[in-house]
Amino acid sequence: MAVLESQIARSSVDRAWEIYYRLRPQIETPDNIGKLILLDLDSGDYEIAEDELGFAASASLRERHPAADVFALRIGYEVSASFSGSMERLSD
């Protein structure tokens, strides 16, 4: 069971990055760097959060797609959060 759950999680991560890289040219702007992007993994629709936690953006996305499988990434970064205090930017 754990192997299947791990495969499903890996598939979700891969799908999120696939959507992100497709959207990257239009979302990775100076004003958006560091903001959360919430992605619906099924439809490819997204919302960019104006707040740090993305609650409003998530709610807006779920209004349009009630059964959305939502995944959050931080625009321009490899991780959404860091416990060590440093976050590395994505390379071109």
Protein backbone atom coordinates (compact mmCIF):
# COMPACT_ATOMS: atom_id res chain seq x y z
CA MET A 1 0.00 0.00 0.00
CA ALA A 2 2.79 2.45 0.87
CA VAL A 3 4.41 1.84 -2.53
CA LEU A 4 1.17 2.71 -4.34
CA GLU A 5 0.70 5.87 -2.23
CA SER A 6 4.29 6.86 -3.00
CA GLN A 7 3.71 6.37 -6.73
CA ILE A 8 0.54 8.46 -6.61
CA ALA A 9 2.36 11.23 -4.73
CA ARG A 10 5.25 11.18 -7.23
CA SER A 11 2.74 11.34 -10.10
CA SER A 12 1.09 14.40 -8.51
CA VAL A 13 4.43 16.15 -8.07
CA ASP A 14 5.40 15.39 -11.67
CA ARG A 15 2.06 16.69 -12.95
CA ALA A 16 2.38 19.89 -10.89
CA TRP A 17 5.83 20.64 -12.33
CA GLU A 18 4.62 19.81 -15.84
CA ILE A 19 1.85 22.41 -15.51
CA TYR A 20 4.22 24.92 -13.88
CA TYR A 21 6.81 24.70 -16.66
CA ARG A 22 4.09 25.11 -19.29
CA LEU A 23 2.86 28.27 -17.52
CA ARG A 24 6.31 29.53 -16.52
CA PRO A 25 6.77 32.17 -19.25
CA GLN A 26 3.54 33.95 -18.31
CA ILE A 27 3.61 33.55 -14.50
CA GLU A 28 7.27 33.98 -13.62
CA THR A 29 7.25 37.77 -13.68
CA PRO A 30 9.04 40.09 -11.24
CA ASP A 31 5.73 40.84 -9.48
CA ASN A 32 4.97 37.13 -8.99
CA ILE A 33 8.36 35.81 -7.84
CA GLY A 34 7.93 34.29 -4.39
CA LYS A 35 4.13 34.08 -4.53
CA LEU A 36 2.33 30.75 -4.28
CA ILE A 37 0.70 29.31 -7.35
CA LEU A 38 -2.08 26.83 -6.68
CA LEU A 39 -2.60 24.34 -9.48
CA ASP A 40 -5.56 22.10 -10.24
CA LEU A 41 -3.75 18.96 -11.37
CA ASP A 42 -6.73 17.73 -13.41
CA SER A 43 -7.72 20.83 -15.38
CA GLY A 44 -4.40 22.70 -15.35
CA ASP A 45 -6.22 25.80 -14.09
CA TYR A 46 -4.44 27.91 -11.47
CA GLU A 47 -4.61 30.84 -9.09
CA ILE A 48 -1.75 33.01 -7.88
CA ALA A 49 -2.02 33.77 -4.17
CA GLU A 50 -1.89 37.34 -2.95
CA ASP A 51 -1.46 36.18 0.66
CA GLU A 52 1.36 34.09 2.13
CA LEU A 53 -0.68 30.92 2.73
CA GLY A 54 -2.88 30.90 -0.37
CA PHE A 55 -6.20 30.27 1.36
CA ALA A 56 -8.19 32.72 -0.77
CA ALA A 57 -6.58 31.49 -3.99
CA SER A 58 -7.32 27.89 -3.05
CA ALA A 59 -10.96 28.75 -2.30
CA SER A 60 -11.29 30.57 -5.62
CA LEU A 61 -9.82 27.62 -7.51
CA ARG A 62 -12.15 25.20 -5.71
CA GLU A 63 -15.16 27.39 -6.56
CA ARG A 64 -14.40 26.80 -10.24
CA HIS A 65 -13.35 23.16 -9.77
CA PRO A 66 -15.00 21.69 -6.63
CA ALA A 67 -13.22 18.35 -6.95
CA ALA A 68 -9.83 19.93 -7.69
CA ASP A 69 -6.67 18.09 -6.71
CA VAL A 70 -4.78 21.25 -5.64
CA PHE A 71 -1.00 21.45 -5.47
CA ALA A 72 0.96 24.56 -4.41
CA LEU A 73 4.36 25.70 -5.63
CA ARG A 74 6.27 28.92 -4.97
CA ILE A 75 6.82 30.86 -8.19
CA GLY A 76 10.49 31.03 -9.13
CA TYR A 77 11.66 28.61 -6.44
CA GLU A 78 12.39 24.90 -6.18
CA VAL A 79 10.47 24.58 -2.90
CA SER A 80 7.35 26.14 -1.41
CA ALA A 81 8.80 26.53 2.08
CA SER A 82 12.10 26.00 3.86
CA PHE A 83 12.81 25.01 7.42
CA SER A 84 16.52 25.81 7.10
CA GLY A 85 15.93 29.43 6.16
CA SER A 86 17.14 29.32 2.55
CA MET A 87 15.33 28.69 -0.68
CA GLU A 88 17.06 28.27 -4.03
CA ARG A 89 15.73 29.94 -7.16
CA LEU A 90 14.91 27.88 -10.23
CA SER A 91 17.50 28.01 -12.97
CA ASP A 92 16.64 28.89 -16.55
